[in-house]
Amino acid sequence: MEQRQVGGHWVIRESELDAMTPGRARDLLVECCLRLHTIPDRRIPSIVDDLTIQREMRRTVLESVRLCFKECGLEWDDPAAEDLVRAIEVLEGEAQGWGAPSDLVTQHFDQMREAVGRLP
């Protein structure tokens, strides 16, 4: 997936939004949450730069997002737009307690709403 950092912020590229599918939106939601989880750790680059820690963080975030889908009765393998919207709402609420600045939480999840809005 094409994403980039702009001014330290995670940004989904326009080309990625143009080719949006439910599976890609779900995967972007995982990436969104991962990026928010790593923001506080950027103060300690040796932790974030450790490949083993990165893999473990990705696995943990993936499991957390999957659990959100399961607990909310949402479809993981082929999510409907409504499933994604509900997961975004729940995860955005949870993200407020993850230690990331609230403006970044809003910016990340606004991008997710835009991505879901681009679904055919």
N, C-alpha and C. Protein backbone atom coordinates (compact mmCIF):
# COMPACT_ATOMS: atom_id res chain seq x y z
N MET A 1 0.84 -1.18 0.00
CA MET A 1 0.00 0.00 0.00
C MET A 1 0.88 1.24 0.00
N GLU A 2 0.42 2.24 -0.69
CA GLU A 2 1.18 3.47 -0.78
C GLU A 2 0.76 4.42 0.33
N GLN A 3 1.62 4.60 1.29
CA GLN A 3 1.38 5.63 2.29
C GLN A 3 2.70 6.37 2.45
N ARG A 4 2.60 7.52 3.03
CA ARG A 4 3.82 8.29 3.23
C ARG A 4 3.68 9.14 4.47
N GLN A 5 4.78 9.67 4.88
CA GLN A 5 4.81 10.59 6.00
C GLN A 5 4.91 12.00 5.43
N VAL A 6 4.08 12.89 5.91
CA VAL A 6 4.16 14.30 5.55
C VAL A 6 4.19 15.08 6.85
N GLY A 7 5.29 15.75 7.09
CA GLY A 7 5.42 16.50 8.33
C GLY A 7 5.26 15.62 9.56
N GLY A 8 5.71 14.36 9.46
CA GLY A 8 5.59 13.44 10.57
C GLY A 8 4.23 12.79 10.70
N HIS A 9 3.31 13.12 9.80
CA HIS A 9 1.96 12.57 9.85
C HIS A 9 1.79 11.49 8.78
N TRP A 10 1.06 10.45 9.13
CA TRP A 10 0.74 9.39 8.19
C TRP A 10 -0.29 9.91 7.20
N VAL A 11 -0.04 9.69 5.91
CA VAL A 11 -0.92 10.18 4.86
C VAL A 11 -1.14 9.06 3.84
N ILE A 12 -2.40 8.83 3.49
CA ILE A 12 -2.72 7.86 2.45
C ILE A 12 -2.66 8.61 1.11
N ARG A 13 -1.93 8.07 0.18
CA ARG A 13 -1.80 8.72 -1.13
C ARG A 13 -3.11 8.66 -1.91
N GLU A 14 -3.29 9.65 -2.75
CA GLU A 14 -4.50 9.75 -3.58
C GLU A 14 -4.67 8.50 -4.44
N SER A 15 -3.58 7.99 -4.98
CA SER A 15 -3.66 6.80 -5.84
C SER A 15 -4.21 5.60 -5.06
N GLU A 16 -3.90 5.52 -3.78
CA GLU A 16 -4.42 4.44 -2.95
C GLU A 16 -5.92 4.62 -2.72
N LEU A 17 -6.35 5.84 -2.54
CA LEU A 17 -7.77 6.13 -2.34
C LEU A 17 -8.57 5.83 -3.60
N ASP A 18 -8.00 6.10 -4.76
CA ASP A 18 -8.70 5.88 -6.03
C ASP A 18 -8.97 4.40 -6.29
N ALA A 19 -8.13 3.53 -5.77
CA ALA A 19 -8.27 2.09 -6.02
C ALA A 19 -8.80 1.37 -4.79
N MET A 20 -9.61 2.02 -3.99
CA MET A 20 -10.03 1.47 -2.71
C MET A 20 -10.97 0.28 -2.88
N THR A 21 -10.70 -0.74 -2.08
CA THR A 21 -11.56 -1.92 -1.96
C THR A 21 -11.82 -2.13 -0.48
N PRO A 22 -12.83 -2.91 -0.12
CA PRO A 22 -13.07 -3.17 1.31
C PRO A 22 -11.86 -3.80 2.01
N GLY A 23 -11.20 -4.73 1.35
CA GLY A 23 -10.01 -5.36 1.95
C GLY A 23 -8.88 -4.37 2.16
N ARG A 24 -8.67 -3.51 1.19
CA ARG A 24 -7.62 -2.48 1.34
C ARG A 24 -7.97 -1.51 2.46
N ALA A 25 -9.24 -1.13 2.56
CA ALA A 25 -9.66 -0.22 3.63
C ALA A 25 -9.43 -0.87 4.99
N ARG A 26 -9.76 -2.15 5.11
CA ARG A 26 -9.52 -2.87 6.37
C ARG A 26 -8.03 -2.89 6.69
N ASP A 27 -7.20 -3.18 5.69
CA ASP A 27 -5.75 -3.22 5.92
C ASP A 27 -5.21 -1.83 6.28
N LEU A 28 -5.76 -0.80 5.67
CA LEU A 28 -5.36 0.56 6.03
C LEU A 28 -5.76 0.89 7.46
N LEU A 29 -6.88 0.36 7.91
CA LEU A 29 -7.30 0.59 9.29
C LEU A 29 -6.29 -0.02 10.26
N VAL A 30 -5.77 -1.18 9.93
CA VAL A 30 -4.72 -1.79 10.75
C VAL A 30 -3.49 -0.88 10.74
N GLU A 31 -3.10 -0.39 9.57
CA GLU A 31 -1.93 0.49 9.46
C GLU A 31 -2.15 1.79 10.23
N CYS A 32 -3.35 2.33 10.14
CA CYS A 32 -3.72 3.55 10.88
C CYS A 32 -3.48 3.35 12.37
N CYS A 33 -3.99 2.24 12.90
CA CYS A 33 -3.83 1.96 14.33
C CYS A 33 -2.38 1.70 14.69
N LEU A 34 -1.65 1.02 13.83
CA LEU A 34 -0.23 0.77 14.08
C LEU A 34 0.53 2.08 14.16
N ARG A 35 0.29 2.97 13.22
CA ARG A 35 0.98 4.26 13.23
C ARG A 35 0.68 5.04 14.51
N LEU A 36 -0.56 4.99 14.96
CA LEU A 36 -0.91 5.69 16.20
C LEU A 36 -0.24 5.06 17.41
N HIS A 37 -0.10 3.75 17.41
CA HIS A 37 0.56 3.06 18.52
C HIS A 37 2.05 3.36 18.59
N THR A 38 2.67 3.66 17.47
CA THR A 38 4.12 3.89 17.46
C THR A 38 4.48 5.34 17.73
N ILE A 39 3.52 6.25 17.72
CA ILE A 39 3.85 7.66 17.93
C ILE A 39 4.55 7.91 19.26
N PRO A 40 4.04 7.43 20.40
CA PRO A 40 4.73 7.70 21.66
C PRO A 40 6.13 7.10 21.71
N ASP A 41 6.35 5.97 21.02
CA ASP A 41 7.64 5.31 21.06
C ASP A 41 8.70 5.99 20.21
N ARG A 42 8.32 6.95 19.40
CA ARG A 42 9.31 7.64 18.56
C ARG A 42 10.32 8.42 19.40
N ARG A 43 9.99 8.67 20.66
CA ARG A 43 10.94 9.35 21.54
C ARG A 43 12.11 8.43 21.87
N ILE A 44 11.93 7.12 21.64
CA ILE A 44 12.98 6.14 21.91
C ILE A 44 13.23 5.37 20.62
N PRO A 45 13.99 5.96 19.69
CA PRO A 45 14.16 5.37 18.36
C PRO A 45 14.67 3.93 18.38
N SER A 46 15.50 3.56 19.35
CA SER A 46 16.04 2.21 19.36
C SER A 46 14.94 1.16 19.49
N ILE A 47 13.84 1.49 20.15
CA ILE A 47 12.73 0.55 20.28
C ILE A 47 12.01 0.42 18.94
N VAL A 48 11.67 1.54 18.33
CA VAL A 48 10.92 1.53 17.08
C VAL A 48 11.76 0.96 15.94
N ASP A 49 13.06 1.17 15.97
CA ASP A 49 13.93 0.69 14.91
C ASP A 49 14.21 -0.81 14.99
N ASP A 50 13.96 -1.43 16.12
CA ASP A 50 14.20 -2.86 16.29
C ASP A 50 13.16 -3.64 15.48
N LEU A 51 13.60 -4.41 14.50
CA LEU A 51 12.71 -5.13 13.60
C LEU A 51 11.83 -6.12 14.34
N THR A 52 12.36 -6.78 15.34
CA THR A 52 11.57 -7.74 16.12
C THR A 52 10.44 -7.03 16.83
N ILE A 53 10.71 -5.88 17.42
CA ILE A 53 9.68 -5.10 18.11
C ILE A 53 8.64 -4.62 17.10
N GLN A 54 9.07 -4.17 15.93
CA GLN A 54 8.14 -3.72 14.90
C GLN A 54 7.19 -4.84 14.50
N ARG A 55 7.73 -6.03 14.29
CA ARG A 55 6.90 -7.17 13.90
C ARG A 55 5.91 -7.53 15.00
N GLU A 56 6.36 -7.51 16.24
CA GLU A 56 5.49 -7.83 17.36
C GLU A 56 4.39 -6.77 17.51
N MET A 57 4.74 -5.50 17.32
CA MET A 57 3.75 -4.44 17.40
C MET A 57 2.70 -4.62 16.30
N ARG A 58 3.14 -4.92 15.10
CA ARG A 58 2.22 -5.12 13.98
C ARG A 58 1.28 -6.30 14.27
N ARG A 59 1.83 -7.38 14.79
CA ARG A 59 1.02 -8.55 15.10
C ARG A 59 -0.01 -8.22 16.18
N THR A 60 0.42 -7.52 17.21
CA THR A 60 -0.47 -7.15 18.31
C THR A 60 -1.59 -6.22 17.84
N VAL A 61 -1.24 -5.23 17.02
CA VAL A 61 -2.25 -4.30 16.50
C VAL A 61 -3.23 -5.04 15.59
N LEU A 62 -2.72 -5.90 14.73
CA LEU A 62 -3.60 -6.69 13.86
C LEU A 62 -4.58 -7.51 14.69
N GLU A 63 -4.10 -8.16 15.73
CA GLU A 63 -4.97 -8.96 16.59
C GLU A 63 -6.01 -8.07 17.29
N SER A 64 -5.61 -6.88 17.69
CA SER A 64 -6.53 -5.95 18.36
C SER A 64 -7.64 -5.48 17.42
N VAL A 65 -7.28 -5.18 16.18
CA VAL A 65 -8.27 -4.73 15.21
C VAL A 65 -9.20 -5.89 14.86
N ARG A 66 -8.65 -7.08 14.69
CA ARG A 66 -9.49 -8.26 14.44
C ARG A 66 -10.48 -8.48 15.59
N LEU A 67 -10.00 -8.33 16.82
CA LEU A 67 -10.85 -8.50 17.99
C LEU A 67 -11.98 -7.48 18.00
N CYS A 68 -11.68 -6.25 17.61
CA CYS A 68 -12.71 -5.21 17.50
C CYS A 68 -13.80 -5.66 16.53
N PHE A 69 -13.40 -6.17 15.37
CA PHE A 69 -14.37 -6.64 14.39
C PHE A 69 -15.22 -7.77 14.99
N LYS A 70 -14.56 -8.72 15.64
CA LYS A 70 -15.26 -9.87 16.21
C LYS A 70 -16.24 -9.43 17.29
N GLU A 71 -15.78 -8.60 18.23
CA GLU A 71 -16.63 -8.16 19.34
C GLU A 71 -17.82 -7.34 18.87
N CYS A 72 -17.66 -6.65 17.76
CA CYS A 72 -18.75 -5.83 17.22
C CYS A 72 -19.62 -6.61 16.23
N GLY A 73 -19.29 -7.88 16.00
CA GLY A 73 -20.06 -8.68 15.06
C GLY A 73 -19.87 -8.26 13.61
N LEU A 74 -18.67 -7.78 13.28
CA LEU A 74 -18.39 -7.28 11.94
C LEU A 74 -17.66 -8.33 11.13
N GLU A 75 -17.81 -8.26 9.83
CA GLU A 75 -17.18 -9.20 8.91
C GLU A 75 -15.73 -8.78 8.66
N TRP A 76 -14.77 -9.66 8.93
CA TRP A 76 -13.35 -9.36 8.73
C TRP A 76 -12.92 -9.65 7.30
N ASP A 77 -13.26 -10.83 6.79
CA ASP A 77 -12.73 -11.26 5.50
C ASP A 77 -13.26 -10.45 4.32
N ASP A 78 -14.49 -10.07 4.37
CA ASP A 78 -15.08 -9.28 3.29
C ASP A 78 -15.99 -8.21 3.91
N PRO A 79 -15.36 -7.20 4.54
CA PRO A 79 -16.16 -6.22 5.28
C PRO A 79 -17.00 -5.32 4.37
N ALA A 80 -18.21 -5.07 4.83
CA ALA A 80 -19.06 -4.09 4.15
C ALA A 80 -18.62 -2.70 4.60
N ALA A 81 -18.99 -1.70 3.85
CA ALA A 81 -18.64 -0.32 4.23
C ALA A 81 -19.16 -0.02 5.63
N GLU A 82 -20.35 -0.50 5.96
CA GLU A 82 -20.93 -0.26 7.29
C GLU A 82 -20.08 -0.89 8.39
N ASP A 83 -19.51 -2.08 8.11
CA ASP A 83 -18.62 -2.73 9.08
C ASP A 83 -17.39 -1.86 9.33
N LEU A 84 -16.83 -1.33 8.26
CA LEU A 84 -15.64 -0.50 8.38
C LEU A 84 -15.95 0.79 9.13
N VAL A 85 -17.08 1.39 8.85
CA VAL A 85 -17.48 2.63 9.54
C VAL A 85 -17.60 2.36 11.04
N ARG A 86 -18.24 1.25 11.40
CA ARG A 86 -18.41 0.93 12.82
C ARG A 86 -17.06 0.66 13.48
N ALA A 87 -16.18 -0.08 12.81
CA ALA A 87 -14.86 -0.36 13.37
C ALA A 87 -14.07 0.94 13.55
N ILE A 88 -14.17 1.85 12.61
CA ILE A 88 -13.49 3.14 12.71
C ILE A 88 -14.00 3.89 13.94
N GLU A 89 -15.31 3.92 14.14
CA GLU A 89 -15.88 4.61 15.30
C GLU A 89 -15.35 4.03 16.61
N VAL A 90 -15.36 2.71 16.72
CA VAL A 90 -14.92 2.05 17.95
C VAL A 90 -13.43 2.27 18.17
N LEU A 91 -12.64 2.04 17.14
CA LEU A 91 -11.18 2.17 17.29
C LEU A 91 -10.75 3.61 17.52
N GLU A 92 -11.45 4.56 16.93
CA GLU A 92 -11.11 5.97 17.18
C GLU A 92 -11.35 6.30 18.65
N GLY A 93 -12.43 5.80 19.21
CA GLY A 93 -12.69 6.02 20.63
C GLY A 93 -11.60 5.40 21.50
N GLU A 94 -11.19 4.20 21.16
CA GLU A 94 -10.12 3.54 21.92
C GLU A 94 -8.79 4.26 21.74
N ALA A 95 -8.54 4.77 20.54
CA ALA A 95 -7.26 5.42 20.24
C ALA A 95 -7.01 6.65 21.09
N GLN A 96 -8.05 7.25 21.59
CA GLN A 96 -7.87 8.43 22.44
C GLN A 96 -7.05 8.09 23.69
N GLY A 97 -7.01 6.82 24.08
CA GLY A 97 -6.25 6.41 25.25
C GLY A 97 -4.91 5.79 24.95
N TRP A 98 -4.47 5.82 23.71
CA TRP A 98 -3.22 5.18 23.33
C TRP A 98 -1.99 6.06 23.50
N GLY A 99 -2.17 7.30 23.88
CA GLY A 99 -1.02 8.17 24.10
C GLY A 99 -0.65 9.05 22.93
N ALA A 100 -1.31 8.89 21.81
CA ALA A 100 -1.04 9.76 20.66
C ALA A 100 -1.80 11.07 20.83
N PRO A 101 -1.26 12.17 20.33
CA PRO A 101 -1.98 13.45 20.42
C PRO A 101 -3.35 13.36 19.74
N SER A 102 -4.34 13.99 20.33
CA SER A 102 -5.71 13.87 19.82
C SER A 102 -5.84 14.40 18.39
N ASP A 103 -5.06 15.41 18.02
CA ASP A 103 -5.15 15.91 16.66
C ASP A 103 -4.66 14.87 15.65
N LEU A 104 -3.67 14.06 16.03
CA LEU A 104 -3.20 13.00 15.13
C LEU A 104 -4.21 11.87 15.05
N VAL A 105 -4.85 11.56 16.18
CA VAL A 105 -5.91 10.53 16.16
C VAL A 105 -7.00 10.97 15.18
N THR A 106 -7.43 12.21 15.30
CA THR A 106 -8.46 12.73 14.40
C THR A 106 -8.00 12.68 12.95
N GLN A 107 -6.78 13.12 12.68
CA GLN A 107 -6.25 13.15 11.32
C GLN A 107 -6.20 11.73 10.73
N HIS A 108 -5.73 10.77 11.50
CA HIS A 108 -5.64 9.39 11.01
C HIS A 108 -7.02 8.83 10.69
N PHE A 109 -7.96 8.99 11.61
CA PHE A 109 -9.28 8.40 11.40
C PHE A 109 -10.11 9.17 10.39
N ASP A 110 -9.85 10.46 10.22
CA ASP A 110 -10.50 11.20 9.12
C ASP A 110 -10.08 10.61 7.77
N GLN A 111 -8.81 10.24 7.67
CA GLN A 111 -8.34 9.61 6.43
C GLN A 111 -9.02 8.26 6.21
N MET A 112 -9.25 7.55 7.30
CA MET A 112 -9.94 6.26 7.17
C MET A 112 -11.38 6.45 6.70
N ARG A 113 -12.04 7.49 7.22
CA ARG A 113 -13.41 7.78 6.76
C ARG A 113 -13.40 8.13 5.27
N GLU A 114 -12.41 8.88 4.86
CA GLU A 114 -12.29 9.21 3.43
C GLU A 114 -12.06 7.95 2.60
N ALA A 115 -11.21 7.06 3.09
CA ALA A 115 -10.94 5.82 2.37
C ALA A 115 -12.22 4.99 2.21
N VAL A 116 -13.00 4.87 3.28
CA VAL A 116 -14.25 4.11 3.20
C VAL A 116 -15.25 4.83 2.27
N GLY A 117 -15.22 6.15 2.28
CA GLY A 117 -16.09 6.92 1.40
C GLY A 117 -15.77 6.73 -0.07
N ARG A 118 -14.59 6.22 -0.37
CA ARG A 118 -14.19 5.99 -1.76
C ARG A 118 -14.56 4.59 -2.25
N LEU A 119 -15.13 3.78 -1.38
CA LEU A 119 -15.51 2.42 -1.82
C LEU A 119 -16.58 2.50 -2.90
N PRO A 120 -16.47 1.61 -3.88
CA PRO A 120 -17.47 1.61 -4.96
C PRO A 120 -18.85 1.21 -4.46
